[in-house]
């Protein structure tokens, strides 16, 4: 099964949604009150949950359009988006280790994409 472009784009979009959800979770956690009223009025947390549910539905739809071994690793880009969004929305900073992690994630996704684009036959592949 060849992975379709729309499925890849949809997975990328869902990673943006889940990353936004994570930022909303963080904002909600900062003002969290563990009371019924506090939870019902924690709009960051409520919107974060809604965004996560929507992303979950979209990822299931995206998986219909391709190979899970290609699409699922793209979800790792959410770590990249969260890193950048946390700088802007939460005021966190990027250190050298975080940049190395971002580069490692990008390299891994590129390698998976390259590997999936090859027509590999296990019986002829050398180890």
PDB file of N, CA and C in Angstrom:
ATOM      1  N   UNK A   1       0.838  -1.185   0.000  1.00  0.00           N
ATOM      2  CA  UNK A   1       0.000   0.000   0.000  1.00  0.00           C
ATOM      3  C   UNK A   1       0.877   1.240   0.000  1.00  0.00           C
ATOM      4  N   UNK A   2       0.652   2.114  -0.926  1.00  0.00           N
ATOM      5  CA  UNK A   2       1.395   3.363  -1.006  1.00  0.00           C
ATOM      6  C   UNK A   2       0.669   4.423  -0.182  1.00  0.00           C
ATOM      7  N   UNK A   3       1.433   5.182   0.571  1.00  0.00           N
ATOM      8  CA  UNK A   3       0.854   6.229   1.404  1.00  0.00           C
ATOM      9  C   UNK A   3       0.494   7.427   0.544  1.00  0.00           C
ATOM     10  N   UNK A   4      -0.718   7.914   0.717  1.00  0.00           N
ATOM     11  CA  UNK A   4      -1.220   9.031  -0.082  1.00  0.00           C
ATOM     12  C   UNK A   4      -0.812  10.360   0.544  1.00  0.00           C
ATOM     13  N   UNK A   5      -0.614  11.357  -0.320  1.00  0.00           N
ATOM     14  CA  UNK A   5      -0.183  12.676   0.134  1.00  0.00           C
ATOM     15  C   UNK A   5      -1.177  13.283   1.114  1.00  0.00           C
ATOM     16  N   UNK A   6      -2.473  13.123   0.869  1.00  0.00           N
ATOM     17  CA  UNK A   6      -3.470  13.717   1.769  1.00  0.00           C
ATOM     18  C   UNK A   6      -3.348  13.135   3.175  1.00  0.00           C
ATOM     19  N   UNK A   7      -2.984  11.868   3.267  1.00  0.00           N
ATOM     20  CA  UNK A   7      -2.833  11.241   4.580  1.00  0.00           C
ATOM     21  C   UNK A   7      -1.628  11.820   5.318  1.00  0.00           C
ATOM     22  N   UNK A   8      -0.544  12.044   4.606  1.00  0.00           N
ATOM     23  CA  UNK A   8       0.651  12.642   5.207  1.00  0.00           C
ATOM     24  C   UNK A   8       0.340  14.056   5.686  1.00  0.00           C
ATOM     25  N   UNK A   9      -0.330  14.840   4.847  1.00  0.00           N
ATOM     26  CA  UNK A   9      -0.677  16.211   5.220  1.00  0.00           C
ATOM     27  C   UNK A   9      -1.642  16.236   6.405  1.00  0.00           C
ATOM     28  N   UNK A  10      -2.566  15.303   6.438  1.00  0.00           N
ATOM     29  CA  UNK A  10      -3.510  15.240   7.548  1.00  0.00           C
ATOM     30  C   UNK A  10      -2.802  14.879   8.849  1.00  0.00           C
ATOM     31  N   UNK A  11      -1.834  13.983   8.786  1.00  0.00           N
ATOM     32  CA  UNK A  11      -1.069  13.640   9.992  1.00  0.00           C
ATOM     33  C   UNK A  11      -0.266  14.855  10.462  1.00  0.00           C
ATOM     34  N   UNK A  12       0.337  15.576   9.546  1.00  0.00           N
ATOM     35  CA  UNK A  12       1.080  16.779   9.919  1.00  0.00           C
ATOM     36  C   UNK A  12       0.138  17.788  10.580  1.00  0.00           C
ATOM     37  N   UNK A  13      -1.050  17.959  10.010  1.00  0.00           N
ATOM     38  CA  UNK A  13      -2.032  18.863  10.599  1.00  0.00           C
ATOM     39  C   UNK A  13      -2.424  18.410  12.006  1.00  0.00           C
ATOM     40  N   UNK A  14      -2.604  17.101  12.184  1.00  0.00           N
ATOM     41  CA  UNK A  14      -2.973  16.608  13.524  1.00  0.00           C
ATOM     42  C   UNK A  14      -1.854  16.833  14.526  1.00  0.00           C
ATOM     43  N   UNK A  15      -0.610  16.799  14.066  1.00  0.00           N
ATOM     44  CA  UNK A  15       0.486  17.075  14.999  1.00  0.00           C
ATOM     45  C   UNK A  15       0.447  18.539  15.445  1.00  0.00           C
ATOM     46  N   UNK A  16       0.043  19.410  14.543  1.00  0.00           N
ATOM     47  CA  UNK A  16      -0.114  20.813  14.935  1.00  0.00           C
ATOM     48  C   UNK A  16      -1.249  20.962  15.947  1.00  0.00           C
ATOM     49  N   UNK A  17      -2.342  20.224  15.724  1.00  0.00           N
ATOM     50  CA  UNK A  17      -3.460  20.265  16.670  1.00  0.00           C
ATOM     51  C   UNK A  17      -3.054  19.736  18.041  1.00  0.00           C
ATOM     52  N   UNK A  18      -2.394  18.572  18.067  1.00  0.00           N
ATOM     53  CA  UNK A  18      -2.009  18.015  19.364  1.00  0.00           C
ATOM     54  C   UNK A  18      -0.980  18.900  20.067  1.00  0.00           C
ATOM     55  N   UNK A  19      -0.130  19.553  19.299  1.00  0.00           N
ATOM     56  CA  UNK A  19       0.834  20.472  19.903  1.00  0.00           C
ATOM     57  C   UNK A  19       0.127  21.670  20.518  1.00  0.00           C
ATOM     58  N   UNK A  20      -0.860  22.192  19.821  1.00  0.00           N
ATOM     59  CA  UNK A  20      -1.661  23.285  20.384  1.00  0.00           C
ATOM     60  C   UNK A  20      -2.381  22.802  21.640  1.00  0.00           C
ATOM     61  N   UNK A  21      -2.886  21.567  21.598  1.00  0.00           N
ATOM     62  CA  UNK A  21      -3.537  20.988  22.767  1.00  0.00           C
ATOM     63  C   UNK A  21      -2.596  20.896  23.953  1.00  0.00           C
ATOM     64  N   UNK A  22      -1.352  20.544  23.709  1.00  0.00           N
ATOM     65  CA  UNK A  22      -0.374  20.433  24.793  1.00  0.00           C
ATOM     66  C   UNK A  22      -0.080  21.796  25.412  1.00  0.00           C
ATOM     67  N   UNK A  23      -0.008  22.831  24.580  1.00  0.00           N
ATOM     68  CA  UNK A  23       0.196  24.189  25.096  1.00  0.00           C
ATOM     69  C   UNK A  23      -1.019  24.606  25.922  1.00  0.00           C
ATOM     70  N   UNK A  24      -2.209  24.268  25.430  1.00  0.00           N
ATOM     71  CA  UNK A  24      -3.428  24.576  26.181  1.00  0.00           C
ATOM     72  C   UNK A  24      -3.458  23.809  27.508  1.00  0.00           C
ATOM     73  N   UNK A  25      -3.012  22.557  27.502  1.00  0.00           N
ATOM     74  CA  UNK A  25      -2.923  21.782  28.738  1.00  0.00           C
ATOM     75  C   UNK A  25      -2.003  22.478  29.748  1.00  0.00           C
ATOM     76  N   UNK A  26      -0.866  22.950  29.271  1.00  0.00           N
ATOM     77  CA  UNK A  26       0.093  23.630  30.145  1.00  0.00           C
ATOM     78  C   UNK A  26      -0.534  24.889  30.726  1.00  0.00           C
ATOM     79  N   UNK A  27      -1.181  25.677  29.880  1.00  0.00           N
ATOM     80  CA  UNK A  27      -1.857  26.890  30.370  1.00  0.00           C
ATOM     81  C   UNK A  27      -2.937  26.528  31.388  1.00  0.00           C
ATOM     82  N   UNK A  28      -3.696  25.465  31.093  1.00  0.00           N
ATOM     83  CA  UNK A  28      -4.738  25.017  32.007  1.00  0.00           C
ATOM     84  C   UNK A  28      -4.164  24.503  33.315  1.00  0.00           C
ATOM     85  N   UNK A  29      -3.029  23.826  33.249  1.00  0.00           N
ATOM     86  CA  UNK A  29      -2.387  23.299  34.459  1.00  0.00           C
ATOM     87  C   UNK A  29      -1.904  24.423  35.362  1.00  0.00           C
ATOM     88  N   UNK A  30      -1.495  25.543  34.756  1.00  0.00           N
ATOM     89  CA  UNK A  30      -1.009  26.674  35.546  1.00  0.00           C
ATOM     90  C   UNK A  30      -2.104  27.294  36.405  1.00  0.00           C
ATOM     91  N   UNK A  31      -3.364  27.155  35.992  1.00  0.00           N
ATOM     92  CA  UNK A  31      -4.474  27.743  36.748  1.00  0.00           C
ATOM     93  C   UNK A  31      -5.416  26.668  37.296  1.00  0.00           C
ATOM     94  N   UNK A  32      -4.935  25.439  37.332  1.00  0.00           N
ATOM     95  CA  UNK A  32      -5.772  24.301  37.708  1.00  0.00           C
ATOM     96  C   UNK A  32      -6.255  24.382  39.154  1.00  0.00           C
ATOM     97  N   UNK A  33      -7.556  24.205  39.313  1.00  0.00           N
ATOM     98  CA  UNK A  33      -8.182  24.053  40.634  1.00  0.00           C
ATOM     99  C   UNK A  33      -8.973  22.760  40.579  1.00  0.00           C
ATOM    100  N   UNK A  34      -8.665  21.844  41.459  1.00  0.00           N
ATOM    101  CA  UNK A  34      -9.313  20.534  41.437  1.00  0.00           C
ATOM    102  C   UNK A  34     -10.655  20.553  42.170  1.00  0.00           C
ATOM    103  N   UNK A  35     -11.528  21.404  41.668  1.00  0.00           N
ATOM    104  CA  UNK A  35     -12.910  21.465  42.153  1.00  0.00           C
ATOM    105  C   UNK A  35     -13.808  21.396  40.924  1.00  0.00           C
ATOM    106  N   UNK A  36     -15.047  20.971  41.077  1.00  0.00           N
ATOM    107  CA  UNK A  36     -15.944  20.945  39.908  1.00  0.00           C
ATOM    108  C   UNK A  36     -16.051  22.302  39.215  1.00  0.00           C
ATOM    109  N   UNK A  37     -16.188  23.344  39.984  1.00  0.00           N
ATOM    110  CA  UNK A  37     -16.289  24.682  39.403  1.00  0.00           C
ATOM    111  C   UNK A  37     -14.974  25.087  38.729  1.00  0.00           C
ATOM    112  N   UNK A  38     -13.859  24.781  39.389  1.00  0.00           N
ATOM    113  CA  UNK A  38     -12.559  25.124  38.819  1.00  0.00           C
ATOM    114  C   UNK A  38     -12.301  24.417  37.505  1.00  0.00           C
ATOM    115  N   UNK A  39     -12.705  23.157  37.427  1.00  0.00           N
ATOM    116  CA  UNK A  39     -12.518  22.402  36.181  1.00  0.00           C
ATOM    117  C   UNK A  39     -13.437  22.903  35.076  1.00  0.00           C
ATOM    118  N   UNK A  40     -14.671  23.222  35.425  1.00  0.00           N
ATOM    119  CA  UNK A  40     -15.633  23.697  34.417  1.00  0.00           C
ATOM    120  C   UNK A  40     -15.291  25.080  33.879  1.00  0.00           C
ATOM    121  N   UNK A  41     -14.537  25.850  34.650  1.00  0.00           N
ATOM    122  CA  UNK A  41     -14.157  27.191  34.204  1.00  0.00           C
ATOM    123  C   UNK A  41     -12.716  27.270  33.707  1.00  0.00           C
ATOM    124  N   UNK A  42     -12.063  26.132  33.582  1.00  0.00           N
ATOM    125  CA  UNK A  42     -10.702  26.093  33.056  1.00  0.00           C
ATOM    126  C   UNK A  42     -10.791  25.892  31.540  1.00  0.00           C
ATOM    127  N   UNK A  43     -10.983  27.001  30.848  1.00  0.00           N
ATOM    128  CA  UNK A  43     -11.229  26.940  29.408  1.00  0.00           C
ATOM    129  C   UNK A  43     -10.029  26.424  28.624  1.00  0.00           C
ATOM    130  N   UNK A  44      -8.827  26.708  29.099  1.00  0.00           N
ATOM    131  CA  UNK A  44      -7.639  26.174  28.436  1.00  0.00           C
ATOM    132  C   UNK A  44      -7.675  24.648  28.434  1.00  0.00           C
ATOM    133  N   UNK A  45      -7.992  24.080  29.578  1.00  0.00           N
ATOM    134  CA  UNK A  45      -8.041  22.630  29.701  1.00  0.00           C
ATOM    135  C   UNK A  45      -9.163  22.038  28.850  1.00  0.00           C
ATOM    136  N   UNK A  46     -10.323  22.645  28.884  1.00  0.00           N
ATOM    137  CA  UNK A  46     -11.476  22.156  28.112  1.00  0.00           C
ATOM    138  C   UNK A  46     -11.192  22.210  26.620  1.00  0.00           C
ATOM    139  N   UNK A  47     -10.663  23.333  26.148  1.00  0.00           N
ATOM    140  CA  UNK A  47     -10.352  23.459  24.717  1.00  0.00           C
ATOM    141  C   UNK A  47      -9.233  22.495  24.339  1.00  0.00           C
ATOM    142  N   UNK A  48      -8.261  22.303  25.222  1.00  0.00           N
ATOM    143  CA  UNK A  48      -7.189  21.347  24.971  1.00  0.00           C
ATOM    144  C   UNK A  48      -7.720  19.937  24.772  1.00  0.00           C
ATOM    145  N   UNK A  49      -8.677  19.531  25.594  1.00  0.00           N
ATOM    146  CA  UNK A  49      -9.278  18.199  25.460  1.00  0.00           C
ATOM    147  C   UNK A  49     -10.040  18.096  24.136  1.00  0.00           C
ATOM    148  N   UNK A  50     -10.790  19.127  23.789  1.00  0.00           N
ATOM    149  CA  UNK A  50     -11.547  19.118  22.523  1.00  0.00           C
ATOM    150  C   UNK A  50     -10.600  19.012  21.335  1.00  0.00           C
ATOM    151  N   UNK A  51      -9.506  19.758  21.382  1.00  0.00           N
ATOM    152  CA  UNK A  51      -8.516  19.725  20.296  1.00  0.00           C
ATOM    153  C   UNK A  51      -7.908  18.324  20.188  1.00  0.00           C
ATOM    154  N   UNK A  52      -7.592  17.711  21.323  1.00  0.00           N
ATOM    155  CA  UNK A  52      -7.022  16.363  21.320  1.00  0.00           C
ATOM    156  C   UNK A  52      -7.990  15.336  20.754  1.00  0.00           C
ATOM    157  N   UNK A  53      -9.265  15.435  21.113  1.00  0.00           N
ATOM    158  CA  UNK A  53     -10.268  14.504  20.585  1.00  0.00           C
ATOM    159  C   UNK A  53     -10.389  14.674  19.072  1.00  0.00           C
ATOM    160  N   UNK A  54     -10.447  15.920  18.610  1.00  0.00           N
ATOM    161  CA  UNK A  54     -10.530  16.176  17.164  1.00  0.00           C
ATOM    162  C   UNK A  54      -9.306  15.604  16.450  1.00  0.00           C
ATOM    163  N   UNK A  55      -8.126  15.804  17.019  1.00  0.00           N
ATOM    164  CA  UNK A  55      -6.906  15.276  16.411  1.00  0.00           C
ATOM    165  C   UNK A  55      -6.922  13.754  16.381  1.00  0.00           C
ATOM    166  N   UNK A  56      -7.444  13.138  17.437  1.00  0.00           N
ATOM    167  CA  UNK A  56      -7.541  11.674  17.468  1.00  0.00           C
ATOM    168  C   UNK A  56      -8.426  11.137  16.358  1.00  0.00           C
ATOM    169  N   UNK A  57      -9.534  11.797  16.121  1.00  0.00           N
ATOM    170  CA  UNK A  57     -10.436  11.387  15.034  1.00  0.00           C
ATOM    171  C   UNK A  57      -9.747  11.551  13.686  1.00  0.00           C
ATOM    172  N   UNK A  58      -9.056  12.676  13.505  1.00  0.00           N
ATOM    173  CA  UNK A  58      -8.378  12.931  12.236  1.00  0.00           C
ATOM    174  C   UNK A  58      -7.238  11.951  11.984  1.00  0.00           C
ATOM    175  N   UNK A  59      -6.519  11.570  13.026  1.00  0.00           N
ATOM    176  CA  UNK A  59      -5.412  10.625  12.830  1.00  0.00           C
ATOM    177  C   UNK A  59      -5.943   9.269  12.407  1.00  0.00           C
ATOM    178  N   UNK A  60      -7.086   8.869  12.949  1.00  0.00           N
ATOM    179  CA  UNK A  60      -7.696   7.601  12.533  1.00  0.00           C
ATOM    180  C   UNK A  60      -8.067   7.668  11.055  1.00  0.00           C
ATOM    181  N   UNK A  61      -8.617   8.783  10.632  1.00  0.00           N
ATOM    182  CA  UNK A  61      -8.957   8.943   9.210  1.00  0.00           C
ATOM    183  C   UNK A  61      -7.708   8.928   8.340  1.00  0.00           C
ATOM    184  N   UNK A  62      -6.658   9.582   8.810  1.00  0.00           N
ATOM    185  CA  UNK A  62      -5.409   9.632   8.044  1.00  0.00           C
ATOM    186  C   UNK A  62      -4.799   8.248   7.883  1.00  0.00           C
ATOM    187  N   UNK A  63      -4.912   7.429   8.914  1.00  0.00           N
ATOM    188  CA  UNK A  63      -4.324   6.086   8.846  1.00  0.00           C
ATOM    189  C   UNK A  63      -4.993   5.219   7.789  1.00  0.00           C
ATOM    190  N   UNK A  64      -6.182   5.591   7.355  1.00  0.00           N
ATOM    191  CA  UNK A  64      -6.843   4.864   6.270  1.00  0.00           C
ATOM    192  C   UNK A  64      -6.151   5.109   4.936  1.00  0.00           C
ATOM    193  N   UNK A  65      -5.348   6.179   4.856  1.00  0.00           N
ATOM    194  CA  UNK A  65      -4.735   6.554   3.594  1.00  0.00           C
ATOM    195  C   UNK A  65      -3.294   6.136   3.421  1.00  0.00           C
ATOM    196  N   UNK A  66      -2.802   5.286   4.289  1.00  0.00           N
ATOM    197  CA  UNK A  66      -1.414   4.902   4.113  1.00  0.00           C
ATOM    198  C   UNK A  66      -0.930   3.914   5.139  1.00  0.00           C
ATOM    199  N   UNK A  67       0.352   3.670   5.069  1.00  0.00           N
ATOM    200  CA  UNK A  67       0.998   2.707   5.946  1.00  0.00           C
ATOM    201  C   UNK A  67       1.267   3.331   7.311  1.00  0.00           C
ATOM    202  N   UNK A  68       0.930   2.596   8.350  1.00  0.00           N
ATOM    203  CA  UNK A  68       1.147   3.094   9.705  1.00  0.00           C
ATOM    204  C   UNK A  68       2.632   3.299   9.975  1.00  0.00           C
ATOM    205  N   UNK A  69       3.486   2.485   9.363  1.00  0.00           N
ATOM    206  CA  UNK A  69       4.929   2.613   9.576  1.00  0.00           C
ATOM    207  C   UNK A  69       5.490   3.894   8.964  1.00  0.00           C
ATOM    208  N   UNK A  70       4.762   4.493   8.040  1.00  0.00           N
ATOM    209  CA  UNK A  70       5.170   5.771   7.453  1.00  0.00           C
ATOM    210  C   UNK A  70       4.497   6.924   8.187  1.00  0.00           C
ATOM    211  N   UNK A  71       3.200   6.804   8.425  1.00  0.00           N
ATOM    212  CA  UNK A  71       2.438   7.913   8.990  1.00  0.00           C
ATOM    213  C   UNK A  71       2.693   8.133  10.479  1.00  0.00           C
ATOM    214  N   UNK A  72       2.763   7.066  11.241  1.00  0.00           N
ATOM    215  CA  UNK A  72       2.853   7.232  12.681  1.00  0.00           C
ATOM    216  C   UNK A  72       4.128   7.939  13.134  1.00  0.00           C
ATOM    217  N   UNK A  73       5.285   7.664  12.531  1.00  0.00           N
ATOM    218  CA  UNK A  73       6.488   8.404  12.953  1.00  0.00           C
ATOM    219  C   UNK A  73       6.394   9.911  12.713  1.00  0.00           C
ATOM    220  N   UNK A  74       5.550  10.335  11.792  1.00  0.00           N
ATOM    221  CA  UNK A  74       5.388  11.773  11.548  1.00  0.00           C
ATOM    222  C   UNK A  74       4.826  12.451  12.791  1.00  0.00           C
ATOM    223  N   UNK A  75       4.125  11.688  13.612  1.00  0.00           N
ATOM    224  CA  UNK A  75       3.567  12.251  14.842  1.00  0.00           C
ATOM    225  C   UNK A  75       4.681  12.790  15.737  1.00  0.00           C
ATOM    226  N   UNK A  76       5.880  12.284  15.567  1.00  0.00           N
ATOM    227  CA  UNK A  76       7.016  12.786  16.346  1.00  0.00           C
ATOM    228  C   UNK A  76       7.285  14.265  16.078  1.00  0.00           C
ATOM    229  N   UNK A  77       6.790  14.790  14.959  1.00  0.00           N
ATOM    230  CA  UNK A  77       6.986  16.217  14.697  1.00  0.00           C
ATOM    231  C   UNK A  77       6.265  17.078  15.733  1.00  0.00           C
ATOM    232  N   UNK A  78       5.323  16.495  16.460  1.00  0.00           N
ATOM    233  CA  UNK A  78       4.648  17.280  17.503  1.00  0.00           C
ATOM    234  C   UNK A  78       5.660  17.751  18.551  1.00  0.00           C
ATOM    235  N   UNK A  79       6.721  16.970  18.793  1.00  0.00           N
ATOM    236  CA  UNK A  79       7.763  17.413  19.719  1.00  0.00           C
ATOM    237  C   UNK A  79       8.437  18.682  19.205  1.00  0.00           C
ATOM    238  N   UNK A  80       8.593  18.769  17.892  1.00  0.00           N
ATOM    239  CA  UNK A  80       9.204  19.958  17.286  1.00  0.00           C
ATOM    240  C   UNK A  80       8.263  21.148  17.433  1.00  0.00           C
ATOM    241  N   UNK A  81       6.990  20.953  17.060  1.00  0.00           N
ATOM    242  CA  UNK A  81       6.020  22.053  17.141  1.00  0.00           C
ATOM    243  C   UNK A  81       5.876  22.548  18.578  1.00  0.00           C
ATOM    244  N   UNK A  82       5.811  21.624  19.536  1.00  0.00           N
ATOM    245  CA  UNK A  82       5.667  22.028  20.942  1.00  0.00           C
ATOM    246  C   UNK A  82       6.881  22.836  21.383  1.00  0.00           C
ATOM    247  N   UNK A  83       8.050  22.442  20.943  1.00  0.00           N
ATOM    248  CA  UNK A  83       9.253  23.200  21.301  1.00  0.00           C
ATOM    249  C   UNK A  83       9.150  24.639  20.834  1.00  0.00           C
ATOM    250  N   UNK A  84       8.722  24.831  19.603  1.00  0.00           N
ATOM    251  CA  UNK A  84       8.616  26.187  19.066  1.00  0.00           C
ATOM    252  C   UNK A  84       7.430  26.950  19.651  1.00  0.00           C
ATOM    253  N   UNK A  85       6.303  26.284  19.811  1.00  0.00           N
ATOM    254  CA  UNK A  85       5.133  26.954  20.383  1.00  0.00           C
ATOM    255  C   UNK A  85       5.367  27.351  21.836  1.00  0.00           C
ATOM    256  N   UNK A  86       6.123  26.536  22.569  1.00  0.00           N
ATOM    257  CA  UNK A  86       6.377  26.855  23.971  1.00  0.00           C
ATOM    258  C   UNK A  86       7.278  28.082  24.114  1.00  0.00           C
ATOM    259  N   UNK A  87       8.108  28.328  23.134  1.00  0.00           N
ATOM    260  CA  UNK A  87       8.928  29.543  23.152  1.00  0.00           C
ATOM    261  C   UNK A  87       8.025  30.764  23.057  1.00  0.00           C
ATOM    262  N   UNK A  88       7.102  30.724  22.117  1.00  0.00           N
ATOM    263  CA  UNK A  88       6.246  31.885  21.838  1.00  0.00           C
ATOM    264  C   UNK A  88       5.148  32.073  22.883  1.00  0.00           C
ATOM    265  N   UNK A  89       4.464  30.983  23.245  1.00  0.00           N
ATOM    266  CA  UNK A  89       3.289  31.113  24.097  1.00  0.00           C
ATOM    267  C   UNK A  89       3.559  30.971  25.594  1.00  0.00           C
ATOM    268  N   UNK A  90       4.640  30.295  25.958  1.00  0.00           N
ATOM    269  CA  UNK A  90       4.901  30.056  27.378  1.00  0.00           C
ATOM    270  C   UNK A  90       6.182  30.739  27.843  1.00  0.00           C
ATOM    271  N   UNK A  91       7.019  31.148  26.901  1.00  0.00           N
ATOM    272  CA  UNK A  91       8.256  31.830  27.259  1.00  0.00           C
ATOM    273  C   UNK A  91       9.399  30.903  27.599  1.00  0.00           C
ATOM    274  N   UNK A  92       9.305  29.632  27.186  1.00  0.00           N
ATOM    275  CA  UNK A  92      10.408  28.704  27.421  1.00  0.00           C
ATOM    276  C   UNK A  92      11.528  28.989  26.435  1.00  0.00           C
ATOM    277  N   UNK A  93      12.700  28.431  26.697  1.00  0.00           N
ATOM    278  CA  UNK A  93      13.833  28.666  25.800  1.00  0.00           C
ATOM    279  C   UNK A  93      14.354  27.342  25.261  1.00  0.00           C
ATOM    280  N   UNK A  94      15.059  27.433  24.162  1.00  0.00           N
ATOM    281  CA  UNK A  94      15.677  26.261  23.532  1.00  0.00           C
ATOM    282  C   UNK A  94      17.163  26.268  23.879  1.00  0.00           C
ATOM    283  N   UNK A  95      17.627  25.141  24.420  1.00  0.00           N
ATOM    284  CA  UNK A  95      19.057  25.015  24.658  1.00  0.00           C
ATOM    285  C   UNK A  95      19.643  24.082  23.594  1.00  0.00           C
ATOM    286  N   UNK A  96      20.930  23.835  23.666  1.00  0.00           N
ATOM    287  CA  UNK A  96      21.611  23.019  22.650  1.00  0.00           C
ATOM    288  C   UNK A  96      21.033  21.607  22.591  1.00  0.00           C
ATOM    289  N   UNK A  97      20.712  21.010  23.744  1.00  0.00           N
ATOM    290  CA  UNK A  97      20.177  19.649  23.762  1.00  0.00           C
ATOM    291  C   UNK A  97      18.820  19.573  23.081  1.00  0.00           C
ATOM    292  N   UNK A  98      18.007  20.573  23.270  1.00  0.00           N
ATOM    293  CA  UNK A  98      16.695  20.580  22.598  1.00  0.00           C
ATOM    294  C   UNK A  98      16.864  20.706  21.085  1.00  0.00           C
ATOM    295  N   UNK A  99      17.804  21.558  20.660  1.00  0.00           N
ATOM    296  CA  UNK A  99      18.052  21.687  19.219  1.00  0.00           C
ATOM    297  C   UNK A  99      18.561  20.372  18.639  1.00  0.00           C
ATOM    298  N   UNK A 100      19.432  19.686  19.370  1.00  0.00           N
ATOM    299  CA  UNK A 100      19.931  18.383  18.920  1.00  0.00           C
ATOM    300  C   UNK A 100      18.771  17.402  18.807  1.00  0.00           C
ATOM    301  N   UNK A 101      17.861  17.427  19.772  1.00  0.00           N
ATOM    302  CA  UNK A 101      16.685  16.563  19.723  1.00  0.00           C
ATOM    303  C   UNK A 101      15.802  16.857  18.528  1.00  0.00           C
ATOM    304  N   UNK A 102      15.584  18.125  18.244  1.00  0.00           N
ATOM    305  CA  UNK A 102      14.782  18.512  17.076  1.00  0.00           C
ATOM    306  C   UNK A 102      15.436  18.002  15.798  1.00  0.00           C
ATOM    307  N   UNK A 103      16.739  18.183  15.678  1.00  0.00           N
ATOM    308  CA  UNK A 103      17.452  17.714  14.489  1.00  0.00           C
ATOM    309  C   UNK A 103      17.403  16.190  14.369  1.00  0.00           C
ATOM    310  N   UNK A 104      17.483  15.496  15.492  1.00  0.00           N
ATOM    311  CA  UNK A 104      17.415  14.026  15.473  1.00  0.00           C
ATOM    312  C   UNK A 104      16.030  13.558  15.019  1.00  0.00           C
ATOM    313  N   UNK A 105      14.994  14.231  15.477  1.00  0.00           N
ATOM    314  CA  UNK A 105      13.635  13.873  15.059  1.00  0.00           C
ATOM    315  C   UNK A 105      13.467  14.095  13.558  1.00  0.00           C
ATOM    316  N   UNK A 106      13.938  15.223  13.080  1.00  0.00           N
ATOM    317  CA  UNK A 106      13.840  15.516  11.641  1.00  0.00           C
ATOM    318  C   UNK A 106      14.619  14.477  10.843  1.00  0.00           C
ATOM    319  N   UNK A 107      15.815  14.144  11.284  1.00  0.00           N
ATOM    320  CA  UNK A 107      16.625  13.145  10.576  1.00  0.00           C
ATOM    321  C   UNK A 107      15.914  11.793  10.562  1.00  0.00           C
ATOM    322  N   UNK A 108      15.328  11.407  11.675  1.00  0.00           N
ATOM    323  CA  UNK A 108      14.609  10.137  11.736  1.00  0.00           C
ATOM    324  C   UNK A 108      13.421  10.096  10.793  1.00  0.00           C
ATOM    325  N   UNK A 109      12.673  11.174  10.737  1.00  0.00           N
ATOM    326  CA  UNK A 109      11.512  11.227   9.842  1.00  0.00           C
ATOM    327  C   UNK A 109      11.959  11.167   8.384  1.00  0.00           C
ATOM    328  N   UNK A 110      13.039  11.864   8.068  1.00  0.00           N
ATOM    329  CA  UNK A 110      13.560  11.835   6.701  1.00  0.00           C
ATOM    330  C   UNK A 110      14.004  10.420   6.334  1.00  0.00           C
ATOM    331  N   UNK A 111      14.689   9.734   7.259  1.00  0.00           N
ATOM    332  CA  UNK A 111      15.138   8.374   6.975  1.00  0.00           C
ATOM    333  C   UNK A 111      13.961   7.421   6.790  1.00  0.00           C
ATOM    334  N   UNK A 112      12.937   7.572   7.595  1.00  0.00           N
ATOM    335  CA  UNK A 112      11.751   6.723   7.441  1.00  0.00           C
ATOM    336  C   UNK A 112      11.074   7.001   6.114  1.00  0.00           C
ATOM    337  N   UNK A 113      10.968   8.280   5.768  1.00  0.00           N
ATOM    338  CA  UNK A 113      10.369   8.642   4.481  1.00  0.00           C
ATOM    339  C   UNK A 113      11.171   8.105   3.316  1.00  0.00           C
ATOM    340  N   UNK A 114      12.498   8.192   3.410  1.00  0.00           N
ATOM    341  CA  UNK A 114      13.349   7.665   2.345  1.00  0.00           C
ATOM    342  C   UNK A 114      13.213   6.153   2.260  1.00  0.00           C
ATOM    343  N   UNK A 115      13.227   5.509   3.401  1.00  0.00           N
ATOM    344  CA  UNK A 115      13.119   4.050   3.419  1.00  0.00           C
ATOM    345  C   UNK A 115      11.785   3.567   2.881  1.00  0.00           C
ATOM    346  N   UNK A 116      10.731   4.310   3.136  1.00  0.00           N
ATOM    347  CA  UNK A 116       9.416   3.884   2.650  1.00  0.00           C
ATOM    348  C   UNK A 116       9.236   4.167   1.162  1.00  0.00           C
ATOM    349  N   UNK A 117      10.043   5.066   0.618  1.00  0.00           N
ATOM    350  CA  UNK A 117       9.898   5.389  -0.801  1.00  0.00           C
ATOM    351  C   UNK A 117      10.591   4.360  -1.697  1.00  0.00           C
ATOM    352  N   UNK A 118      11.459   3.557  -1.102  1.00  0.00           N
ATOM    353  CA  UNK A 118      12.148   2.515  -1.858  1.00  0.00           C
ATOM    354  C   UNK A 118      11.256   1.290  -1.943  1.00  0.00           C
ATOM    355  N   UNK A 119      11.306   0.630  -3.048  1.00  0.00           N
ATOM    356  CA  UNK A 119      10.554  -0.615  -3.212  1.00  0.00           C
ATOM    357  C   UNK A 119      11.455  -1.747  -2.752  1.00  0.00           C
ATOM    358  N   UNK A 120      11.349  -2.081  -1.484  1.00  0.00           N
ATOM    359  CA  UNK A 120      12.249  -3.057  -0.873  1.00  0.00           C
ATOM    360  C   UNK A 120      11.611  -4.435  -0.930  1.00  0.00           C
ATOM    361  N   UNK A 121      12.389  -5.405  -1.341  1.00  0.00           N
ATOM    362  CA  UNK A 121      11.961  -6.791  -1.338  1.00  0.00           C
ATOM    363  C   UNK A 121      12.836  -7.534  -0.330  1.00  0.00           C
ATOM    364  N   UNK A 122      12.248  -8.025   0.754  1.00  0.00           N
ATOM    365  CA  UNK A 122      13.048  -8.658   1.815  1.00  0.00           C
ATOM    366  C   UNK A 122      13.941  -9.784   1.330  1.00  0.00           C
ATOM    367  N   UNK A 123      13.498 -10.538   0.311  1.00  0.00           N
ATOM    368  CA  UNK A 123      14.295 -11.670  -0.121  1.00  0.00           C
ATOM    369  C   UNK A 123      15.566 -11.243  -0.884  1.00  0.00           C
ATOM    370  N   UNK A 124      15.622  -9.984  -1.344  1.00  0.00           N
ATOM    371  CA  UNK A 124      16.805  -9.544  -2.094  1.00  0.00           C
ATOM    372  C   UNK A 124      17.608  -8.540  -1.311  1.00  0.00           C
ATOM    373  N   UNK A 125      17.108  -8.085  -0.179  1.00  0.00           N
ATOM    374  CA  UNK A 125      17.828  -7.067   0.579  1.00  0.00           C
ATOM    375  C   UNK A 125      18.940  -7.703   1.406  1.00  0.00           C
ATOM    376  N   UNK A 126      20.121  -7.115   1.324  1.00  0.00           N
ATOM    377  CA  UNK A 126      21.276  -7.589   2.103  1.00  0.00           C
ATOM    378  C   UNK A 126      21.252  -6.926   3.471  1.00  0.00           C
ATOM    379  N   UNK A 127      21.701  -7.675   4.450  1.00  0.00           N
ATOM    380  CA  UNK A 127      21.754  -7.129   5.800  1.00  0.00           C
ATOM    381  C   UNK A 127      23.090  -6.571   6.118  1.00  0.00           C
TER     382      UNK A 127
END
